[in-house]
């Protein structure tokens, strides 16, 4: 049962990354691909039907973690308390900016909200990428399974560690570049005219950046977590998921070059999902690694909830998850085609 719930948590998190990732990327790019009010409303029209539903997957992943691994959730929330509040404030400001931006027909009002959409959209992938870097590097768990982290220490990735060091910043930058490329792929698919042309051009640049940074992050991961790649070699599932990521990246790049917009976006989705799940497959069963602490790591086995409760929760998950997937399939079907900027107060 712990293996099943570990897989559920990973699937929920990767669904969040893929879905909310494209509107984070679109928000990061919108000041550059949209040069006037009509074009910016077109970007907002592209993400408008999806962004709030996408964020629900983060809550669902937190709920799955609460049910499956309450000790991991409790320790992580207390240890990353400040970072979590930064993420929450960014999510709130970003949502308010999307909804309030077109309520007043005034250039200063709209440009202010445009900036407040851009900044959190840029920061959130960095924060979430840095969080992943902390999980890969490890945290200083004590004997009771708790930890506290300074924002940064000496940036060496050696104990005593902070939230930010050279490795977590590198992973954060890689996450920003990958998510921005994902947003470019989405805008290329969902928009037309000059916005599509600019998104496609920027998508090529950012996917080139992904191809350059990925080996650097791989090398950094080997340096801070020497056991990561031995685990990868011995796990066939990780090989299959890595192949999915590589195929997705190749498909996205080829789609941008040949003008195949949907293939570009689906390739980008496959890249993010494959890379994230391959990472989780290599980390299993560890959920919170230890570095510089006196405690033992929290794993899928020693941090799992009550087996009876997990079985009952699984029965509800098997009902709820297909309904959620069906809702998103219907949503994308209802809003198929290119996004059109609305007149008046709407997107």
Protein backbone atom coordinates (compact mmCIF):
# COMPACT_ATOMS: atom_id res chain seq x y z
CA UNK A 1 0.00 0.00 0.00
CA UNK A 2 2.80 2.56 0.63
CA UNK A 3 4.03 1.96 -2.93
CA UNK A 4 0.56 2.67 -4.30
CA UNK A 5 0.20 5.92 -2.37
CA UNK A 6 3.71 7.02 -3.28
CA UNK A 7 2.70 6.58 -6.92
CA UNK A 8 -0.54 8.49 -6.34
CA UNK A 9 1.29 11.45 -4.78
CA UNK A 10 3.77 11.52 -7.67
CA UNK A 11 1.00 11.37 -10.29
CA UNK A 12 -0.90 14.20 -8.58
CA UNK A 13 2.21 16.39 -8.36
CA UNK A 14 3.19 15.73 -11.98
CA UNK A 15 -0.35 16.50 -13.12
CA UNK A 16 -0.07 19.80 -11.29
CA UNK A 17 3.31 20.57 -12.85
CA UNK A 18 2.08 19.81 -16.38
CA UNK A 19 -1.23 21.68 -16.08
CA UNK A 20 -0.33 24.68 -13.91
CA UNK A 21 3.07 24.76 -15.58
CA UNK A 22 1.69 25.96 -18.90
CA UNK A 23 -0.10 28.93 -17.35
CA UNK A 24 2.96 29.77 -15.23
CA UNK A 25 4.96 29.76 -18.44
CA UNK A 26 2.37 31.83 -20.27
CA UNK A 27 2.38 34.35 -17.42
CA UNK A 28 6.17 34.57 -17.54
CA UNK A 29 6.13 35.16 -21.29
CA UNK A 30 3.10 37.40 -21.69
CA UNK A 31 5.01 40.69 -21.39
CA UNK A 32 7.28 39.56 -24.23
CA UNK A 33 4.95 37.79 -26.65
CA UNK A 34 2.11 40.32 -26.31
CA UNK A 35 2.93 43.91 -27.23
CA UNK A 36 -0.44 45.62 -26.80
CA UNK A 37 -3.63 45.32 -24.77
CA UNK A 38 -5.44 43.15 -27.30
CA UNK A 39 -2.58 40.66 -27.49
CA UNK A 40 -2.28 40.46 -23.71
CA UNK A 41 -5.98 39.77 -23.45
CA UNK A 42 -5.44 37.00 -25.99
CA UNK A 43 -2.83 35.41 -23.69
CA UNK A 44 -5.24 35.71 -20.76
CA UNK A 45 -8.01 34.20 -22.88
CA UNK A 46 -5.73 31.22 -23.59
CA UNK A 47 -5.13 30.42 -19.90
CA UNK A 48 -8.35 31.90 -18.48
CA UNK A 49 -10.55 28.78 -18.60
CA UNK A 50 -7.86 26.57 -17.07
CA UNK A 51 -5.66 28.35 -14.51
CA UNK A 52 -7.91 28.10 -11.44
CA UNK A 53 -8.75 24.44 -12.06
CA UNK A 54 -5.07 23.68 -12.59
CA UNK A 55 -4.20 24.98 -9.13
CA UNK A 56 -6.65 22.53 -7.52
CA UNK A 57 -4.21 19.74 -8.36
CA UNK A 58 -1.75 21.23 -5.86
CA UNK A 59 -4.41 20.97 -3.16
CA UNK A 60 -5.21 17.43 -4.29
CA UNK A 61 -1.52 16.47 -4.08
CA UNK A 62 -1.35 17.94 -0.58
CA UNK A 63 -4.45 15.97 0.38
CA UNK A 64 -2.94 12.75 -0.99
CA UNK A 65 0.24 13.44 0.98
CA UNK A 66 -1.83 14.07 4.12
CA UNK A 67 -3.66 10.76 3.71
CA UNK A 68 -0.71 8.65 2.60
CA UNK A 69 2.27 10.14 4.43
CA UNK A 70 1.19 12.52 7.21
CA UNK A 71 4.63 12.58 8.86
CA UNK A 72 6.24 13.77 5.64
CA UNK A 73 3.63 16.50 5.22
CA UNK A 74 3.97 17.67 8.82
CA UNK A 75 7.75 17.77 8.72
CA UNK A 76 7.86 19.42 5.30
CA UNK A 77 5.37 22.16 6.16
CA UNK A 78 7.22 23.06 9.36
CA UNK A 79 10.66 22.94 7.73
CA UNK A 80 9.68 24.90 4.62
CA UNK A 81 7.26 27.22 6.46
CA UNK A 82 8.64 30.49 5.07
CA UNK A 83 9.01 29.11 1.54
CA UNK A 84 5.43 27.78 1.56
CA UNK A 85 4.10 31.21 2.50
CA UNK A 86 6.03 32.74 -0.39
CA UNK A 87 4.41 30.22 -2.74
CA UNK A 88 0.94 30.93 -1.33
CA UNK A 89 1.34 34.70 -1.68
CA UNK A 90 2.53 34.28 -5.27
CA UNK A 91 -0.47 32.09 -6.10
CA UNK A 92 -2.87 34.60 -4.53
CA UNK A 93 -1.36 37.66 -6.24
CA UNK A 94 -1.26 35.87 -9.56
CA UNK A 95 -4.92 34.83 -9.38
CA UNK A 96 -6.04 38.33 -8.37
CA UNK A 97 -4.03 39.83 -11.25
CA UNK A 98 -5.70 37.56 -13.80
CA UNK A 99 -9.19 38.36 -12.55
CA UNK A 100 -8.78 42.11 -11.88
CA UNK A 101 -6.65 43.10 -14.86
CA UNK A 102 -9.44 43.95 -17.30
CA UNK A 103 -11.95 45.42 -14.84
CA UNK A 104 -10.81 49.01 -15.40
CA UNK A 105 -10.01 50.41 -18.84
CA UNK A 106 -6.96 52.37 -17.75
CA UNK A 107 -3.36 51.82 -18.99
CA UNK A 108 -1.77 52.26 -15.55
CA UNK A 109 -4.24 49.86 -13.91
CA UNK A 110 -3.71 47.19 -16.56
CA UNK A 111 0.08 47.52 -16.74
CA UNK A 112 0.28 47.22 -12.94
CA UNK A 113 -1.68 43.98 -12.95
CA UNK A 114 0.34 42.74 -15.93
CA UNK A 115 3.49 43.13 -13.83
CA UNK A 116 1.82 41.40 -10.87
CA UNK A 117 0.94 38.48 -13.13
CA UNK A 118 4.46 38.29 -14.58
CA UNK A 119 6.46 38.40 -11.35
CA UNK A 120 4.71 35.54 -9.44
CA UNK A 121 4.58 33.47 -12.64
CA UNK A 122 8.36 33.81 -12.88
CA UNK A 123 9.03 33.20 -9.18
CA UNK A 124 6.80 30.14 -8.68
CA UNK A 125 8.77 27.75 -10.94
CA UNK A 126 11.98 28.90 -9.23
CA UNK A 127 10.50 28.25 -5.76
CA UNK A 128 9.10 24.86 -6.71
CA UNK A 129 12.31 23.87 -8.49
CA UNK A 130 14.36 24.89 -5.45
CA UNK A 131 12.03 22.76 -3.30
CA UNK A 132 12.74 19.76 -5.54
CA UNK A 133 16.46 20.53 -5.21
CA UNK A 134 16.12 20.41 -1.42
CA UNK A 135 14.44 17.01 -1.61
CA UNK A 136 17.18 15.65 -3.87
CA UNK A 137 20.01 17.11 -1.77
CA UNK A 138 18.48 16.30 1.61
CA UNK A 139 17.46 18.22 4.72
CA UNK A 140 18.83 18.13 8.31
CA UNK A 141 16.26 15.86 9.97
CA UNK A 142 16.67 15.44 13.73
CA UNK A 143 15.98 12.27 15.72
CA UNK A 144 12.24 13.07 15.82
CA UNK A 145 11.93 13.68 12.09
CA UNK A 146 11.80 17.50 12.16
CA UNK A 147 14.05 20.07 10.53
CA UNK A 148 14.53 23.81 10.21
CA UNK A 149 16.35 25.58 7.39
CA UNK A 150 17.81 29.05 7.04
CA UNK A 151 17.14 30.77 3.74
CA UNK A 152 20.82 30.26 2.84
CA UNK A 153 24.18 29.58 4.54
CA UNK A 154 27.38 29.45 2.46
CA UNK A 155 25.81 28.19 -0.83
CA UNK A 156 28.03 25.10 -0.74
CA UNK A 157 25.29 22.39 -0.59
CA UNK A 158 27.19 20.91 2.38
CA UNK A 159 26.02 20.90 6.00
CA UNK A 160 24.83 23.18 7.44
CA UNK A 161 22.56 23.64 4.44
CA UNK A 162 19.98 26.31 3.70
CA UNK A 163 17.00 26.43 1.38
CA UNK A 164 19.16 28.12 -1.25
CA UNK A 165 22.60 26.95 -2.37
CA UNK A 166 24.30 26.49 -5.73
CA UNK A 167 22.46 23.24 -6.40
CA UNK A 168 18.93 24.28 -5.40
CA UNK A 169 19.33 27.55 -7.33
CA UNK A 170 20.50 25.57 -10.38
CA UNK A 171 17.44 23.29 -10.17
CA UNK A 172 15.23 26.37 -9.70
CA UNK A 173 16.65 28.02 -12.83
CA UNK A 174 16.24 24.79 -14.80
CA UNK A 175 12.62 24.55 -13.64
CA UNK A 176 12.00 28.16 -14.72
CA UNK A 177 13.46 27.54 -18.19
CA UNK A 178 11.53 24.26 -18.63
CA UNK A 179 8.22 25.75 -17.44
CA UNK A 180 8.67 28.85 -19.61
CA UNK A 181 9.32 26.61 -22.62
CA UNK A 182 6.16 24.69 -21.69
CA UNK A 183 4.21 27.95 -21.62
CA UNK A 184 5.61 28.89 -25.03
CA UNK A 185 4.46 25.53 -26.40
CA UNK A 186 0.96 26.11 -24.99
CA UNK A 187 0.70 29.65 -26.40
CA UNK A 188 1.95 28.44 -29.78
CA UNK A 189 -0.89 25.93 -29.78
CA UNK A 190 -3.68 28.15 -28.39
CA UNK A 191 -3.01 31.53 -30.03
CA UNK A 192 -2.59 32.88 -33.54
CA UNK A 193 -1.15 35.95 -35.21
CA UNK A 194 1.87 37.71 -33.80
CA UNK A 195 1.48 36.13 -30.35
CA UNK A 196 1.87 32.67 -31.87
CA UNK A 197 4.86 33.77 -33.97
CA UNK A 198 6.68 35.27 -30.98
CA UNK A 199 5.80 32.31 -28.73
CA UNK A 200 7.16 29.87 -31.27
CA UNK A 201 10.42 31.83 -31.61
CA UNK A 202 10.89 32.04 -27.84
CA UNK A 203 9.97 28.38 -27.47
CA UNK A 204 12.93 27.38 -29.63
CA UNK A 205 15.28 29.44 -27.46
CA UNK A 206 13.96 28.11 -24.17
CA UNK A 207 14.00 24.49 -25.31
CA UNK A 208 17.60 25.02 -26.37
CA UNK A 209 18.19 26.28 -22.83
CA UNK A 210 16.54 23.14 -21.45
CA UNK A 211 18.87 20.96 -23.54
CA UNK A 212 21.90 22.87 -22.22
CA UNK A 213 20.89 22.99 -18.55
CA UNK A 214 19.66 19.40 -18.23
CA UNK A 215 23.17 17.85 -18.30
CA UNK A 216 24.37 20.46 -15.78
CA UNK A 217 21.53 19.60 -13.39
CA UNK A 218 22.28 15.90 -13.93
CA UNK A 219 25.92 16.43 -12.97
CA UNK A 220 24.94 18.54 -9.97
CA UNK A 221 22.53 15.84 -8.79
CA UNK A 222 25.31 13.26 -8.94
CA UNK A 223 27.54 15.52 -6.81
CA UNK A 224 24.99 16.17 -4.05
CA UNK A 225 23.33 12.73 -4.14
CA UNK A 226 25.85 10.06 -5.20
CA UNK A 227 23.32 7.25 -4.73
CA UNK A 228 20.81 8.68 -7.20
CA UNK A 229 22.23 7.25 -10.43
CA UNK A 230 23.09 3.80 -9.07
CA UNK A 231 19.40 3.57 -8.19
CA UNK A 232 18.51 4.72 -11.70
CA UNK A 233 20.63 2.00 -13.33
CA UNK A 234 18.88 -0.74 -11.37
CA UNK A 235 15.28 0.41 -12.02
CA UNK A 236 13.82 -0.37 -15.45
CA UNK A 237 10.80 1.87 -14.81
CA UNK A 238 13.11 4.88 -14.47
CA UNK A 239 14.67 4.02 -17.86
CA UNK A 240 11.24 3.94 -19.49
CA UNK A 241 10.27 7.26 -17.93
CA UNK A 242 13.56 8.84 -19.00
CA UNK A 243 12.87 7.61 -22.54
CA UNK A 244 9.47 9.32 -22.33
CA UNK A 245 11.17 12.58 -21.31
CA UNK A 246 13.71 12.37 -24.12
CA UNK A 247 11.02 11.56 -26.68
CA UNK A 248 8.91 14.45 -25.38
CA UNK A 249 11.77 16.94 -25.66
CA UNK A 250 12.57 15.76 -29.20
CA UNK A 251 8.89 15.96 -30.19
CA UNK A 252 8.55 19.48 -28.78
CA UNK A 253 11.64 20.72 -30.63
CA UNK A 254 10.61 19.08 -33.90
CA UNK A 255 7.08 20.42 -33.55
CA UNK A 256 8.38 23.97 -33.11
CA UNK A 257 10.58 23.64 -36.19
CA UNK A 258 7.86 22.12 -38.39
CA UNK A 259 4.95 24.19 -37.09
CA UNK A 260 3.07 21.28 -35.50
CA UNK A 261 1.55 23.13 -32.58
CA UNK A 262 -0.36 20.36 -30.81
CA UNK A 263 2.58 17.95 -31.13
CA UNK A 264 4.81 20.62 -29.59
CA UNK A 265 2.54 20.99 -26.56
CA UNK A 266 2.02 17.25 -26.08
CA UNK A 267 5.78 16.68 -26.36
CA UNK A 268 6.35 19.32 -23.71
CA UNK A 269 3.81 17.61 -21.42
CA UNK A 270 5.58 14.27 -21.95
CA UNK A 271 8.97 15.80 -21.19
CA UNK A 272 7.89 17.29 -17.85
CA UNK A 273 5.90 14.22 -16.80
CA UNK A 274 8.64 11.78 -17.82
CA UNK A 275 11.44 13.71 -16.12
CA UNK A 276 9.49 14.20 -12.89
CA UNK A 277 8.31 10.61 -12.58
CA UNK A 278 11.77 9.25 -13.47
CA UNK A 279 13.20 11.36 -10.65
CA UNK A 280 10.59 10.01 -8.23
CA UNK A 281 11.32 6.43 -9.33
CA UNK A 282 15.01 6.92 -8.51
CA UNK A 283 14.28 8.51 -5.12
CA UNK A 284 11.88 5.79 -3.95
CA UNK A 285 11.38 4.93 -1.14
CA UNK A 286 12.98 8.10 0.31
CA UNK A 287 10.67 11.09 0.66
CA UNK A 288 12.79 13.31 2.92
CA UNK A 289 16.51 12.54 2.70
CA UNK A 290 18.90 13.43 5.50
CA UNK A 291 21.99 15.58 5.16
CA UNK A 292 23.77 17.01 8.15
CA UNK A 293 21.17 15.75 10.60
CA UNK A 294 21.08 13.12 13.34
CA UNK A 295 17.80 11.52 12.29
CA UNK A 296 16.81 8.82 9.84
CA UNK A 297 15.23 9.61 6.46
CA UNK A 298 11.46 9.61 6.13
CA UNK A 299 10.49 6.97 3.59
CA UNK A 300 7.33 5.64 2.02
CA UNK A 301 7.46 2.80 4.54
CA UNK A 302 8.25 4.45 7.88
CA UNK A 303 6.08 7.53 7.21
CA UNK A 304 2.98 5.86 5.72
CA UNK A 305 -0.43 6.21 7.29
CA UNK A 306 -2.55 3.45 8.81
CA UNK A 307 -2.98 0.59 6.28
CA UNK A 308 -6.74 0.35 6.87
CA UNK A 309 -7.15 4.09 6.30
CA UNK A 310 -5.04 3.90 3.14
CA UNK A 311 -7.24 1.15 1.73
CA UNK A 312 -10.42 3.13 2.38
CA UNK A 313 -8.87 6.30 0.92
CA UNK A 314 -7.80 4.36 -2.17
CA UNK A 315 -11.38 3.30 -2.84
CA UNK A 316 -12.44 6.97 -2.83
CA UNK A 317 -9.47 7.95 -4.98
CA UNK A 318 -10.47 5.39 -7.62
CA UNK A 319 -13.85 7.15 -7.84
CA UNK A 320 -12.67 10.76 -7.67
CA UNK A 321 -9.60 10.69 -9.91
CA UNK A 322 -11.40 9.54 -13.10
CA UNK A 323 -14.06 12.22 -12.49
CA UNK A 324 -11.36 14.90 -12.24
CA UNK A 325 -9.68 13.67 -15.42
CA UNK A 326 -13.05 13.63 -17.18
CA UNK A 327 -13.69 17.21 -16.10
CA UNK A 328 -10.39 18.40 -17.62
CA UNK A 329 -10.98 16.46 -20.83
CA UNK A 330 -14.38 18.14 -21.14
CA UNK A 331 -12.86 21.55 -20.31
CA UNK A 332 -10.21 21.29 -23.01
CA UNK A 333 -12.81 20.06 -25.47
CA UNK A 334 -15.17 22.96 -24.72
CA UNK A 335 -12.37 25.47 -25.19
CA UNK A 336 -10.71 23.86 -28.18
CA UNK A 337 -9.41 26.07 -30.95
CA UNK A 338 -7.50 29.32 -30.82
CA UNK A 339 -8.09 31.78 -27.98
CA UNK A 340 -9.82 35.04 -28.88
CA UNK A 341 -9.57 38.21 -26.79
CA UNK A 342 -13.00 39.22 -25.50
CA UNK A 343 -14.44 42.74 -25.57
CA UNK A 344 -15.36 44.41 -22.29
CA UNK A 345 -14.24 43.21 -18.86
CA UNK A 346 -13.55 39.57 -19.66
CA UNK A 347 -10.29 37.96 -20.69
